[in-house]
N, C-alpha and C. Protein backbone atom coordinates (compact mmCIF):
# COMPACT_ATOMS: atom_id res chain seq x y z
N UNK A 1 -5.48 -6.85 16.15
CA UNK A 1 -5.66 -5.76 15.17
C UNK A 1 -5.30 -6.27 13.78
N UNK A 2 -6.21 -6.13 12.82
CA UNK A 2 -5.95 -6.58 11.46
C UNK A 2 -5.20 -5.51 10.69
N UNK A 3 -4.32 -5.95 9.79
CA UNK A 3 -3.54 -5.03 8.99
C UNK A 3 -4.24 -4.73 7.67
N UNK A 4 -4.16 -3.49 7.19
CA UNK A 4 -4.73 -3.18 5.88
C UNK A 4 -4.03 -3.98 4.78
N UNK A 5 -4.81 -4.46 3.83
CA UNK A 5 -4.28 -5.14 2.65
C UNK A 5 -4.38 -4.15 1.49
N UNK A 6 -3.25 -3.76 0.94
CA UNK A 6 -3.24 -2.76 -0.13
C UNK A 6 -3.66 -3.38 -1.45
N UNK A 7 -4.33 -2.59 -2.26
CA UNK A 7 -4.76 -3.02 -3.59
C UNK A 7 -4.04 -2.16 -4.63
N UNK A 8 -4.64 -2.01 -5.80
CA UNK A 8 -4.02 -1.20 -6.85
C UNK A 8 -4.04 0.30 -6.51
N UNK A 9 -4.92 0.69 -5.62
CA UNK A 9 -5.01 2.10 -5.23
C UNK A 9 -3.71 2.55 -4.57
N UNK A 10 -3.21 3.71 -4.98
CA UNK A 10 -1.98 4.25 -4.39
C UNK A 10 -2.33 4.95 -3.08
N UNK A 11 -2.17 4.24 -1.99
CA UNK A 11 -2.59 4.73 -0.68
C UNK A 11 -1.86 3.96 0.41
N UNK A 12 -1.57 4.64 1.53
CA UNK A 12 -1.05 3.99 2.73
C UNK A 12 -1.80 4.54 3.95
N UNK A 13 -1.98 3.72 4.95
CA UNK A 13 -2.53 4.24 6.20
C UNK A 13 -1.51 5.15 6.87
N UNK A 14 -1.93 5.99 7.81
CA UNK A 14 -0.96 6.84 8.52
C UNK A 14 0.00 5.99 9.34
N UNK A 15 1.22 6.47 9.50
CA UNK A 15 2.23 5.68 10.21
C UNK A 15 1.85 5.43 11.66
N UNK A 16 1.00 6.28 12.21
CA UNK A 16 0.55 6.09 13.59
C UNK A 16 -0.25 4.81 13.77
N UNK A 17 -0.70 4.21 12.66
CA UNK A 17 -1.47 2.98 12.72
C UNK A 17 -0.58 1.74 12.74
N UNK A 18 0.73 1.91 12.68
CA UNK A 18 1.64 0.76 12.65
C UNK A 18 1.58 -0.01 13.96
N UNK A 19 1.84 -1.31 13.88
CA UNK A 19 1.92 -2.14 15.07
C UNK A 19 3.18 -1.79 15.86
N UNK A 20 3.32 -2.38 17.03
CA UNK A 20 4.45 -2.05 17.90
C UNK A 20 5.80 -2.37 17.26
N UNK A 21 5.82 -3.35 16.36
CA UNK A 21 7.07 -3.69 15.67
C UNK A 21 7.30 -2.86 14.42
N UNK A 22 6.35 -1.98 14.10
CA UNK A 22 6.49 -1.09 12.95
C UNK A 22 5.75 -1.54 11.71
N UNK A 23 5.19 -2.75 11.71
CA UNK A 23 4.48 -3.24 10.53
C UNK A 23 3.19 -2.44 10.34
N UNK A 24 3.00 -1.92 9.12
CA UNK A 24 1.91 -1.00 8.85
C UNK A 24 0.85 -1.59 7.91
N UNK A 25 1.28 -2.29 6.86
CA UNK A 25 0.34 -2.78 5.85
C UNK A 25 0.97 -3.93 5.08
N UNK A 26 0.12 -4.64 4.36
CA UNK A 26 0.55 -5.76 3.53
C UNK A 26 0.06 -5.56 2.10
N UNK A 27 0.78 -6.15 1.15
CA UNK A 27 0.29 -6.19 -0.22
C UNK A 27 0.65 -4.98 -1.05
N UNK A 28 -0.11 -4.80 -2.12
CA UNK A 28 0.21 -3.74 -3.06
C UNK A 28 1.33 -4.16 -4.00
N UNK A 29 1.69 -3.25 -4.87
CA UNK A 29 2.77 -3.55 -5.81
C UNK A 29 4.05 -2.83 -5.39
N UNK A 30 5.08 -3.00 -6.21
CA UNK A 30 6.36 -2.35 -5.96
C UNK A 30 6.71 -1.41 -7.11
N UNK A 31 5.70 -0.73 -7.61
CA UNK A 31 5.93 0.24 -8.67
C UNK A 31 6.71 1.43 -8.15
N UNK A 32 7.36 2.13 -9.05
CA UNK A 32 8.11 3.32 -8.66
C UNK A 32 7.20 4.33 -7.99
N UNK A 33 5.97 4.45 -8.47
CA UNK A 33 5.03 5.42 -7.89
C UNK A 33 4.70 5.07 -6.44
N UNK A 34 4.47 3.79 -6.17
CA UNK A 34 4.13 3.39 -4.80
C UNK A 34 5.35 3.53 -3.89
N UNK A 35 6.51 3.16 -4.39
CA UNK A 35 7.73 3.29 -3.58
C UNK A 35 7.98 4.74 -3.21
N UNK A 36 7.82 5.66 -4.17
CA UNK A 36 8.01 7.08 -3.87
C UNK A 36 7.02 7.55 -2.82
N UNK A 37 5.76 7.16 -2.98
CA UNK A 37 4.74 7.56 -2.00
C UNK A 37 5.09 7.03 -0.62
N UNK A 38 5.57 5.80 -0.58
CA UNK A 38 5.95 5.21 0.70
C UNK A 38 7.06 6.01 1.37
N UNK A 39 8.14 6.26 0.67
CA UNK A 39 9.27 6.96 1.27
C UNK A 39 8.89 8.37 1.71
N UNK A 40 8.11 9.05 0.90
CA UNK A 40 7.69 10.40 1.26
C UNK A 40 6.86 10.41 2.54
N UNK A 41 6.28 9.27 2.89
CA UNK A 41 5.44 9.18 4.08
C UNK A 41 6.08 8.35 5.18
N UNK A 42 7.40 8.17 5.11
CA UNK A 42 8.11 7.50 6.19
C UNK A 42 7.92 6.00 6.25
N UNK A 43 7.63 5.38 5.10
CA UNK A 43 7.32 3.95 5.03
C UNK A 43 8.31 3.28 4.09
N UNK A 44 8.69 2.06 4.41
CA UNK A 44 9.58 1.32 3.50
C UNK A 44 9.16 -0.14 3.44
N UNK A 45 9.48 -0.83 2.32
CA UNK A 45 9.13 -2.25 2.20
C UNK A 45 10.28 -3.12 2.70
N UNK A 46 9.91 -4.22 3.32
CA UNK A 46 10.87 -5.27 3.67
C UNK A 46 10.09 -6.53 3.93
N UNK A 47 10.46 -7.61 3.28
CA UNK A 47 9.67 -8.83 3.41
C UNK A 47 10.45 -10.02 2.88
N UNK A 48 10.00 -11.19 3.28
CA UNK A 48 10.45 -12.45 2.70
C UNK A 48 9.22 -13.17 2.16
N UNK A 49 9.31 -13.70 0.96
CA UNK A 49 8.13 -14.28 0.33
C UNK A 49 7.58 -13.33 -0.72
N UNK A 50 6.36 -13.57 -1.14
CA UNK A 50 5.79 -12.85 -2.27
C UNK A 50 5.07 -11.57 -1.88
N UNK A 51 4.43 -11.53 -0.71
CA UNK A 51 3.61 -10.36 -0.37
C UNK A 51 4.44 -9.25 0.26
N UNK A 52 4.46 -8.06 -0.35
CA UNK A 52 5.18 -6.93 0.27
C UNK A 52 4.64 -6.62 1.66
N UNK A 53 5.56 -6.27 2.55
CA UNK A 53 5.22 -5.83 3.90
C UNK A 53 5.80 -4.42 4.06
N UNK A 54 4.99 -3.51 4.57
CA UNK A 54 5.36 -2.10 4.65
C UNK A 54 5.52 -1.70 6.11
N UNK A 55 6.60 -0.98 6.39
CA UNK A 55 7.02 -0.72 7.77
C UNK A 55 7.19 0.78 8.04
N UNK A 56 6.91 1.16 9.27
CA UNK A 56 7.16 2.53 9.75
C UNK A 56 7.51 2.44 11.23
N UNK A 57 8.70 1.96 11.56
CA UNK A 57 9.04 1.70 12.97
C UNK A 57 9.18 2.95 13.81
N UNK A 58 8.99 2.76 15.09
CA UNK A 58 9.16 3.82 16.07
C UNK A 58 9.92 3.25 17.27
N UNK A 59 11.13 3.75 17.55
CA UNK A 59 11.81 4.88 16.92
C UNK A 59 12.42 4.51 15.57
N UNK A 60 13.02 5.51 14.93
CA UNK A 60 13.63 5.35 13.61
C UNK A 60 15.13 5.50 13.73
N UNK A 61 15.86 4.66 13.02
CA UNK A 61 17.32 4.67 13.05
C UNK A 61 17.83 5.53 11.91
N UNK A 62 18.52 6.61 12.24
CA UNK A 62 18.92 7.60 11.23
C UNK A 62 20.35 8.07 11.49
N UNK A 63 20.89 8.70 10.47
CA UNK A 63 22.18 9.37 10.60
C UNK A 63 22.03 10.81 10.15
N UNK A 64 22.36 11.75 11.03
CA UNK A 64 22.50 13.15 10.61
C UNK A 64 23.92 13.30 10.07
N UNK A 65 24.07 13.78 8.84
CA UNK A 65 25.40 13.80 8.22
C UNK A 65 26.48 14.45 9.07
N UNK A 66 26.12 15.48 9.85
CA UNK A 66 27.12 16.15 10.68
C UNK A 66 27.60 15.26 11.82
N UNK A 67 26.86 14.17 12.09
CA UNK A 67 27.25 13.26 13.17
C UNK A 67 28.12 12.10 12.68
N UNK A 68 28.43 12.08 11.40
CA UNK A 68 29.22 10.98 10.84
C UNK A 68 30.54 10.83 11.59
N UNK A 69 30.83 9.59 12.03
CA UNK A 69 32.08 9.29 12.72
C UNK A 69 32.96 8.43 11.82
N UNK A 70 34.19 8.86 11.66
CA UNK A 70 35.15 8.10 10.85
C UNK A 70 36.29 7.68 11.78
N UNK A 71 36.44 6.39 11.95
CA UNK A 71 37.45 5.87 12.87
C UNK A 71 38.87 6.10 12.33
N UNK A 72 39.83 5.97 13.22
CA UNK A 72 41.23 6.12 12.80
C UNK A 72 41.60 5.11 11.73
N UNK A 73 41.09 3.89 11.88
CA UNK A 73 41.42 2.86 10.88
C UNK A 73 40.83 3.20 9.52
N UNK A 74 39.61 3.78 9.51
CA UNK A 74 39.02 4.16 8.22
C UNK A 74 39.71 5.38 7.64
N UNK A 75 40.15 6.29 8.48
CA UNK A 75 40.92 7.43 7.97
C UNK A 75 42.20 6.94 7.28
N UNK A 76 42.78 5.89 7.84
CA UNK A 76 43.99 5.31 7.22
C UNK A 76 43.65 4.70 5.86
N UNK A 77 42.48 4.06 5.76
CA UNK A 77 42.05 3.49 4.48
C UNK A 77 41.94 4.58 3.43
N UNK A 78 41.37 5.73 3.82
CA UNK A 78 41.25 6.85 2.88
C UNK A 78 42.62 7.40 2.50
N UNK A 79 43.51 7.53 3.47
CA UNK A 79 44.84 8.07 3.17
C UNK A 79 45.62 7.19 2.21
N UNK A 80 45.44 5.89 2.33
CA UNK A 80 46.17 4.93 1.49
C UNK A 80 45.55 4.78 0.10
N UNK A 81 44.39 5.43 -0.12
CA UNK A 81 43.69 5.30 -1.41
C UNK A 81 43.45 3.83 -1.76
N UNK A 82 43.02 3.07 -0.74
CA UNK A 82 42.77 1.64 -0.93
C UNK A 82 41.68 1.41 -1.96
N UNK A 83 40.65 2.25 -1.93
CA UNK A 83 39.51 2.10 -2.83
C UNK A 83 39.32 3.37 -3.65
N UNK A 84 38.58 3.22 -4.75
CA UNK A 84 38.13 4.35 -5.54
C UNK A 84 36.60 4.41 -5.45
N UNK A 85 36.09 5.62 -5.44
CA UNK A 85 34.65 5.84 -5.20
C UNK A 85 33.97 6.33 -6.47
N UNK A 86 32.74 5.88 -6.66
CA UNK A 86 31.92 6.41 -7.76
C UNK A 86 30.46 6.39 -7.35
N UNK A 87 29.65 7.15 -8.08
CA UNK A 87 28.21 7.19 -7.89
C UNK A 87 27.54 6.86 -9.22
N UNK A 88 26.62 5.91 -9.18
CA UNK A 88 25.83 5.52 -10.34
C UNK A 88 26.65 5.00 -11.51
N UNK A 89 27.84 4.51 -11.22
CA UNK A 89 28.63 3.87 -12.27
C UNK A 89 28.12 2.45 -12.54
N UNK A 90 27.53 1.82 -11.51
CA UNK A 90 27.16 0.41 -11.66
C UNK A 90 25.93 0.11 -10.81
N UNK A 91 24.84 0.86 -11.02
CA UNK A 91 23.65 0.66 -10.20
C UNK A 91 23.15 -0.78 -10.30
N UNK A 92 23.01 -1.30 -11.51
CA UNK A 92 22.47 -2.65 -11.67
C UNK A 92 23.34 -3.69 -10.96
N UNK A 93 24.64 -3.53 -11.04
CA UNK A 93 25.55 -4.48 -10.40
C UNK A 93 25.45 -4.38 -8.88
N UNK A 94 25.34 -3.17 -8.36
CA UNK A 94 25.26 -2.99 -6.91
C UNK A 94 24.01 -3.64 -6.35
N UNK A 95 22.85 -3.39 -6.95
CA UNK A 95 21.62 -3.95 -6.40
C UNK A 95 21.62 -5.47 -6.51
N UNK A 96 22.22 -6.00 -7.57
CA UNK A 96 22.30 -7.46 -7.70
C UNK A 96 23.28 -8.05 -6.69
N UNK A 97 24.35 -7.34 -6.41
CA UNK A 97 25.28 -7.81 -5.38
C UNK A 97 24.61 -7.80 -4.01
N UNK A 98 23.81 -6.76 -3.73
CA UNK A 98 23.07 -6.72 -2.47
C UNK A 98 22.07 -7.87 -2.39
N UNK A 99 21.52 -8.25 -3.53
CA UNK A 99 20.58 -9.36 -3.58
C UNK A 99 21.28 -10.69 -3.30
N UNK A 100 22.49 -10.85 -3.82
CA UNK A 100 23.15 -12.15 -3.82
C UNK A 100 24.08 -12.38 -2.63
N UNK A 101 24.48 -11.32 -1.94
CA UNK A 101 25.44 -11.48 -0.86
C UNK A 101 24.83 -12.30 0.28
N UNK A 102 25.59 -13.19 0.86
CA UNK A 102 25.11 -14.00 1.99
C UNK A 102 25.19 -13.19 3.27
N UNK A 103 24.09 -13.24 4.05
CA UNK A 103 24.03 -12.51 5.32
C UNK A 103 23.76 -13.52 6.44
N UNK A 104 24.62 -13.53 7.46
CA UNK A 104 24.49 -14.53 8.53
C UNK A 104 23.14 -14.53 9.24
N UNK A 105 22.48 -13.34 9.32
CA UNK A 105 21.23 -13.24 10.08
C UNK A 105 19.98 -13.42 9.22
N UNK A 106 20.17 -13.77 7.93
CA UNK A 106 19.02 -13.92 7.05
C UNK A 106 19.12 -15.21 6.26
N UNK A 107 18.00 -15.93 6.17
CA UNK A 107 17.97 -17.17 5.40
C UNK A 107 17.82 -16.91 3.91
N UNK A 108 17.21 -15.79 3.57
CA UNK A 108 16.99 -15.46 2.17
C UNK A 108 16.98 -13.95 2.01
N UNK A 109 16.97 -13.49 0.77
CA UNK A 109 16.98 -12.05 0.52
C UNK A 109 15.57 -11.55 0.25
N UNK A 110 15.31 -10.30 0.66
CA UNK A 110 14.03 -9.68 0.34
C UNK A 110 14.08 -9.02 -1.03
N UNK A 111 15.27 -8.95 -1.62
CA UNK A 111 15.44 -8.26 -2.90
C UNK A 111 15.09 -9.23 -4.03
N UNK A 112 13.81 -9.36 -4.29
CA UNK A 112 13.32 -10.23 -5.35
C UNK A 112 13.47 -9.53 -6.70
N UNK A 113 13.13 -10.25 -7.76
CA UNK A 113 13.18 -9.62 -9.08
C UNK A 113 12.20 -8.46 -9.19
N UNK A 114 11.06 -8.55 -8.49
CA UNK A 114 10.11 -7.43 -8.48
C UNK A 114 10.72 -6.20 -7.80
N UNK A 115 11.45 -6.44 -6.74
CA UNK A 115 12.14 -5.35 -6.05
C UNK A 115 13.19 -4.74 -6.98
N UNK A 116 13.94 -5.58 -7.65
CA UNK A 116 14.94 -5.09 -8.59
C UNK A 116 14.31 -4.17 -9.63
N UNK A 117 13.18 -4.60 -10.18
CA UNK A 117 12.53 -3.79 -11.21
C UNK A 117 12.04 -2.46 -10.63
N UNK A 118 11.45 -2.50 -9.43
CA UNK A 118 10.93 -1.27 -8.84
C UNK A 118 12.01 -0.24 -8.59
N UNK A 119 13.13 -0.66 -8.01
CA UNK A 119 14.19 0.30 -7.70
C UNK A 119 14.97 0.71 -8.95
N UNK A 120 15.03 -0.19 -9.93
CA UNK A 120 15.66 0.19 -11.20
C UNK A 120 14.83 1.27 -11.89
N UNK A 121 13.51 1.15 -11.81
CA UNK A 121 12.64 2.20 -12.36
C UNK A 121 12.85 3.52 -11.61
N UNK A 122 13.00 3.45 -10.28
CA UNK A 122 13.29 4.67 -9.52
C UNK A 122 14.62 5.27 -9.95
N UNK A 123 15.59 4.42 -10.19
CA UNK A 123 16.91 4.89 -10.64
C UNK A 123 16.80 5.61 -11.98
N UNK A 124 16.06 5.01 -12.89
CA UNK A 124 15.89 5.63 -14.21
C UNK A 124 15.15 6.95 -14.12
N UNK A 125 14.30 7.07 -13.10
CA UNK A 125 13.57 8.32 -12.89
C UNK A 125 14.35 9.36 -12.11
N UNK A 126 15.58 9.02 -11.69
CA UNK A 126 16.42 9.97 -10.99
C UNK A 126 16.24 10.00 -9.49
N UNK A 127 15.58 8.97 -8.92
CA UNK A 127 15.32 8.96 -7.48
C UNK A 127 16.14 7.94 -6.70
N UNK A 128 16.71 6.97 -7.38
CA UNK A 128 17.53 5.97 -6.70
C UNK A 128 18.95 6.06 -7.22
N UNK A 129 19.91 5.91 -6.32
CA UNK A 129 21.31 5.97 -6.74
C UNK A 129 22.11 4.87 -6.06
N UNK A 130 23.25 4.60 -6.64
CA UNK A 130 24.19 3.64 -6.06
C UNK A 130 25.50 4.34 -5.78
N UNK A 131 26.19 3.84 -4.77
CA UNK A 131 27.54 4.31 -4.45
C UNK A 131 28.45 3.10 -4.47
N UNK A 132 29.60 3.23 -5.12
CA UNK A 132 30.45 2.07 -5.36
C UNK A 132 31.86 2.25 -4.80
N UNK A 133 32.42 1.14 -4.34
CA UNK A 133 33.83 1.08 -3.96
C UNK A 133 34.53 0.12 -4.92
N UNK A 134 35.62 0.59 -5.49
CA UNK A 134 36.36 -0.21 -6.47
C UNK A 134 37.78 -0.46 -5.97
N UNK A 135 38.30 -1.63 -6.30
CA UNK A 135 39.70 -1.95 -6.03
C UNK A 135 40.26 -2.66 -7.25
N UNK A 136 41.28 -2.04 -7.83
CA UNK A 136 41.90 -2.58 -9.05
C UNK A 136 40.84 -2.87 -10.11
N UNK A 137 39.95 -1.88 -10.30
CA UNK A 137 38.88 -1.93 -11.30
C UNK A 137 37.85 -3.02 -11.06
N UNK A 138 37.80 -3.56 -9.85
CA UNK A 138 36.79 -4.54 -9.49
C UNK A 138 35.83 -3.94 -8.46
N UNK A 139 34.53 -4.18 -8.65
CA UNK A 139 33.53 -3.70 -7.70
C UNK A 139 33.59 -4.57 -6.44
N UNK A 140 33.98 -3.96 -5.33
CA UNK A 140 34.20 -4.73 -4.10
C UNK A 140 33.24 -4.33 -2.97
N UNK A 141 32.43 -3.31 -3.17
CA UNK A 141 31.49 -2.89 -2.15
C UNK A 141 30.60 -1.78 -2.66
N UNK A 142 29.51 -1.56 -1.95
CA UNK A 142 28.63 -0.47 -2.35
C UNK A 142 27.29 -0.52 -1.65
N UNK A 143 26.44 0.40 -2.01
CA UNK A 143 25.10 0.49 -1.45
C UNK A 143 24.20 1.21 -2.43
N UNK A 144 22.90 1.07 -2.21
CA UNK A 144 21.94 1.84 -3.00
C UNK A 144 20.84 2.35 -2.09
N UNK A 145 20.15 3.37 -2.57
CA UNK A 145 19.06 3.95 -1.79
C UNK A 145 18.28 4.94 -2.61
N UNK A 146 17.37 5.62 -1.95
CA UNK A 146 16.44 6.54 -2.60
C UNK A 146 16.70 7.95 -2.10
N UNK A 147 16.75 8.90 -3.01
CA UNK A 147 17.03 10.29 -2.68
C UNK A 147 15.83 11.14 -3.07
N UNK A 148 15.19 11.75 -2.08
CA UNK A 148 14.06 12.65 -2.32
C UNK A 148 14.33 13.95 -1.58
N UNK A 149 14.42 15.05 -2.31
CA UNK A 149 14.68 16.34 -1.69
C UNK A 149 16.00 16.33 -0.96
N UNK A 150 15.95 16.64 0.34
CA UNK A 150 17.15 16.66 1.17
C UNK A 150 17.20 15.48 2.13
N UNK A 151 16.62 14.36 1.69
CA UNK A 151 16.61 13.13 2.49
C UNK A 151 17.11 11.98 1.64
N UNK A 152 18.02 11.18 2.22
CA UNK A 152 18.46 9.95 1.55
C UNK A 152 18.00 8.77 2.38
N UNK A 153 17.37 7.81 1.71
CA UNK A 153 16.86 6.60 2.36
C UNK A 153 17.74 5.43 1.95
N UNK A 154 18.58 4.98 2.86
CA UNK A 154 19.46 3.87 2.55
C UNK A 154 18.68 2.57 2.49
N UNK A 155 19.02 1.70 1.55
CA UNK A 155 18.29 0.45 1.38
C UNK A 155 19.13 -0.77 1.71
N UNK A 156 20.24 -0.95 1.06
CA UNK A 156 21.04 -2.15 1.30
C UNK A 156 22.48 -1.88 0.87
N UNK A 157 23.40 -2.63 1.49
CA UNK A 157 24.81 -2.49 1.12
C UNK A 157 25.46 -3.87 1.11
N UNK A 158 26.61 -3.94 0.48
CA UNK A 158 27.34 -5.20 0.43
C UNK A 158 28.83 -4.91 0.43
N UNK A 159 29.60 -5.89 0.80
CA UNK A 159 31.06 -5.78 0.77
C UNK A 159 31.66 -7.13 0.39
N UNK A 160 32.60 -7.11 -0.51
CA UNK A 160 33.36 -8.31 -0.86
C UNK A 160 34.81 -8.18 -0.42
N UNK A 161 35.09 -7.05 0.22
CA UNK A 161 36.43 -6.81 0.76
C UNK A 161 36.26 -6.00 2.03
N UNK A 162 37.06 -6.26 3.02
CA UNK A 162 36.95 -5.58 4.31
C UNK A 162 36.99 -4.07 4.13
N UNK A 163 36.06 -3.38 4.79
CA UNK A 163 35.96 -1.91 4.82
C UNK A 163 35.38 -1.31 3.54
N UNK A 164 35.07 -2.12 2.53
CA UNK A 164 34.61 -1.56 1.26
C UNK A 164 33.25 -0.87 1.39
N UNK A 165 32.32 -1.49 2.12
CA UNK A 165 31.00 -0.86 2.25
C UNK A 165 31.08 0.39 3.12
N UNK A 166 31.92 0.35 4.17
CA UNK A 166 32.11 1.55 4.99
C UNK A 166 32.69 2.68 4.17
N UNK A 167 33.66 2.36 3.33
CA UNK A 167 34.26 3.38 2.46
C UNK A 167 33.21 4.01 1.56
N UNK A 168 32.38 3.17 0.93
CA UNK A 168 31.36 3.69 0.03
C UNK A 168 30.36 4.55 0.79
N UNK A 169 29.95 4.10 1.97
CA UNK A 169 28.98 4.84 2.76
C UNK A 169 29.52 6.18 3.21
N UNK A 170 30.71 6.19 3.77
CA UNK A 170 31.32 7.44 4.24
C UNK A 170 31.49 8.42 3.08
N UNK A 171 31.98 7.91 1.95
CA UNK A 171 32.18 8.76 0.78
C UNK A 171 30.86 9.35 0.29
N UNK A 172 29.80 8.54 0.32
CA UNK A 172 28.49 9.03 -0.11
C UNK A 172 27.97 10.08 0.85
N UNK A 173 28.09 9.85 2.14
CA UNK A 173 27.61 10.84 3.11
C UNK A 173 28.29 12.18 2.89
N UNK A 174 29.59 12.16 2.66
CA UNK A 174 30.31 13.41 2.42
C UNK A 174 29.79 14.11 1.16
N UNK A 175 29.45 13.33 0.13
CA UNK A 175 28.89 13.92 -1.09
C UNK A 175 27.49 14.48 -0.83
N UNK A 176 26.69 13.73 -0.08
CA UNK A 176 25.33 14.18 0.21
C UNK A 176 25.33 15.48 1.02
N UNK A 177 26.32 15.64 1.87
CA UNK A 177 26.45 16.90 2.62
C UNK A 177 26.52 18.09 1.68
N UNK A 178 27.27 17.94 0.59
CA UNK A 178 27.44 19.06 -0.34
C UNK A 178 26.15 19.41 -1.06
N UNK A 179 25.18 18.47 -1.06
CA UNK A 179 23.90 18.69 -1.72
C UNK A 179 22.80 19.10 -0.74
N UNK A 180 23.17 19.38 0.50
CA UNK A 180 22.20 19.85 1.47
C UNK A 180 21.36 18.79 2.13
N UNK A 181 21.73 17.51 1.97
CA UNK A 181 20.95 16.44 2.60
C UNK A 181 21.05 16.58 4.12
N UNK A 182 19.89 16.54 4.79
CA UNK A 182 19.82 16.79 6.23
C UNK A 182 19.76 15.52 7.06
N UNK A 183 19.31 14.43 6.47
CA UNK A 183 19.14 13.20 7.24
C UNK A 183 19.24 12.00 6.32
N UNK A 184 19.82 10.93 6.84
CA UNK A 184 19.92 9.66 6.11
C UNK A 184 19.14 8.63 6.91
N UNK A 185 18.13 8.06 6.29
CA UNK A 185 17.30 7.05 6.95
C UNK A 185 18.00 5.70 6.85
N UNK A 186 18.31 5.12 7.99
CA UNK A 186 18.95 3.80 8.04
C UNK A 186 17.95 2.72 8.39
N UNK A 187 16.72 3.10 8.65
CA UNK A 187 15.58 2.21 8.87
C UNK A 187 15.68 1.43 10.18
N UNK A 188 16.51 0.38 10.22
CA UNK A 188 16.59 -0.48 11.39
C UNK A 188 18.02 -0.52 11.92
N UNK A 189 18.17 -0.70 13.21
CA UNK A 189 19.47 -0.63 13.86
C UNK A 189 20.43 -1.71 13.36
N UNK A 190 21.68 -1.30 13.11
CA UNK A 190 22.80 -2.23 12.93
C UNK A 190 23.99 -1.67 13.68
N UNK A 191 24.81 -2.54 14.23
CA UNK A 191 26.03 -2.09 14.91
C UNK A 191 26.96 -1.38 13.94
N UNK A 192 26.97 -1.86 12.70
CA UNK A 192 27.82 -1.30 11.64
C UNK A 192 27.54 0.19 11.47
N UNK A 193 26.25 0.55 11.35
CA UNK A 193 25.90 1.95 11.13
C UNK A 193 25.95 2.77 12.42
N UNK A 194 25.67 2.13 13.54
CA UNK A 194 25.81 2.85 14.81
C UNK A 194 27.25 3.30 15.02
N UNK A 195 28.20 2.47 14.61
CA UNK A 195 29.61 2.84 14.76
C UNK A 195 29.98 4.04 13.90
N UNK A 196 29.16 4.30 12.88
CA UNK A 196 29.41 5.45 12.00
C UNK A 196 28.63 6.69 12.43
N UNK A 197 27.87 6.58 13.52
CA UNK A 197 27.19 7.76 14.05
C UNK A 197 25.68 7.75 13.98
N UNK A 198 25.08 6.68 13.44
CA UNK A 198 23.62 6.61 13.36
C UNK A 198 23.03 6.42 14.76
N UNK A 199 21.79 6.88 14.93
CA UNK A 199 21.13 6.79 16.23
C UNK A 199 19.62 6.72 16.05
N UNK A 200 18.94 6.36 17.13
CA UNK A 200 17.49 6.31 17.13
C UNK A 200 16.90 7.68 17.43
N UNK A 201 15.83 8.03 16.70
CA UNK A 201 15.05 9.22 17.03
C UNK A 201 13.57 8.84 17.02
N UNK A 202 12.72 9.57 17.75
CA UNK A 202 11.28 9.26 17.73
C UNK A 202 10.71 9.39 16.32
N UNK A 203 9.72 8.57 16.02
CA UNK A 203 9.13 8.59 14.68
C UNK A 203 8.53 9.95 14.36
N UNK A 204 7.91 10.60 15.34
CA UNK A 204 7.28 11.90 15.05
C UNK A 204 8.33 12.91 14.62
N UNK A 205 9.54 12.83 15.20
CA UNK A 205 10.61 13.75 14.80
C UNK A 205 11.05 13.45 13.38
N UNK A 206 11.17 12.18 13.06
CA UNK A 206 11.53 11.78 11.70
C UNK A 206 10.49 12.29 10.69
N UNK A 207 9.21 12.14 11.02
CA UNK A 207 8.16 12.58 10.11
C UNK A 207 8.17 14.09 9.91
N UNK A 208 8.46 14.83 10.96
CA UNK A 208 8.56 16.29 10.82
C UNK A 208 9.68 16.67 9.86
N UNK A 209 10.80 15.98 9.95
CA UNK A 209 11.92 16.25 9.05
C UNK A 209 11.52 15.92 7.61
N UNK A 210 10.84 14.79 7.42
CA UNK A 210 10.39 14.42 6.07
C UNK A 210 9.49 15.48 5.48
N UNK A 211 8.52 15.95 6.26
CA UNK A 211 7.57 16.95 5.75
C UNK A 211 8.28 18.21 5.29
N UNK A 212 9.35 18.55 5.96
CA UNK A 212 10.08 19.76 5.61
C UNK A 212 11.08 19.55 4.49
N UNK A 213 11.80 18.44 4.55
CA UNK A 213 12.97 18.27 3.68
C UNK A 213 12.71 17.54 2.37
N UNK A 214 11.66 16.72 2.28
CA UNK A 214 11.44 16.01 1.02
C UNK A 214 10.86 16.91 -0.07
N UNK A 215 10.40 18.09 0.31
CA UNK A 215 9.86 19.03 -0.68
C UNK A 215 10.95 19.86 -1.34
N UNK A 216 12.16 19.78 -0.84
CA UNK A 216 13.26 20.55 -1.40
C UNK A 216 13.87 19.79 -2.58
N UNK A 217 14.77 20.41 -3.29
CA UNK A 217 15.32 19.79 -4.48
C UNK A 217 16.80 19.49 -4.30
N UNK A 218 17.20 18.36 -4.89
CA UNK A 218 18.60 17.99 -4.96
C UNK A 218 18.95 17.75 -6.41
N UNK A 219 20.22 17.87 -6.74
CA UNK A 219 20.63 17.72 -8.13
C UNK A 219 21.55 16.51 -8.27
N UNK A 220 20.98 15.43 -8.79
CA UNK A 220 21.75 14.19 -8.92
C UNK A 220 22.94 14.36 -9.84
N UNK A 221 22.81 15.18 -10.87
CA UNK A 221 23.91 15.33 -11.81
C UNK A 221 25.12 15.96 -11.16
N UNK A 222 24.93 16.73 -10.09
CA UNK A 222 26.06 17.31 -9.38
C UNK A 222 26.82 16.28 -8.57
N UNK A 223 26.21 15.12 -8.36
CA UNK A 223 26.82 14.08 -7.55
C UNK A 223 27.71 13.16 -8.37
N UNK A 224 27.46 13.04 -9.64
CA UNK A 224 28.10 12.00 -10.44
C UNK A 224 29.44 12.49 -11.00
């Protein structure tokens, strides 16, 4: 089966056309408009090299905020005020840290300069946000993602100190709860996120949630 090659036209095939591994299409640009269209339709980019690869896996790895699990050790981290939390204090630094951090299971990063520009444009448009963990005024962990309606799409996280990314993630989930967010898309399975309560759901269920929840409104200014 051949994969569609995207051109300048803002279009994606239906997610039902994805291959068994979730790969849906190749090519296209990484403009803010295309990225928004992708997320609204349950699609995300991930690739190594120059050509974007677009994915819509089945099942989908997600976290329902009410299912968030905080371990005893993490509760102790919060009680000790080990880290300080912020939102959108350092978006550019967070995405660059995610780009530069070494990952044992990856030879290179998919966060190219084109990716940086695309998500920075989303951030400027009010659709992408960062969550930060600070220790002694130093950025030690964080994550960034895309927020549309009552859905948050997590993209990447990093930690330069033990528990820093978990702290930022847990703190963000608690904030997103106050804004009515119903689901957090984690895209692909990791043990790290499973330990926090994320689980697999069928793609059709994920798409139904998107159709309902991405049309609602969230207020980013209430988060900062």
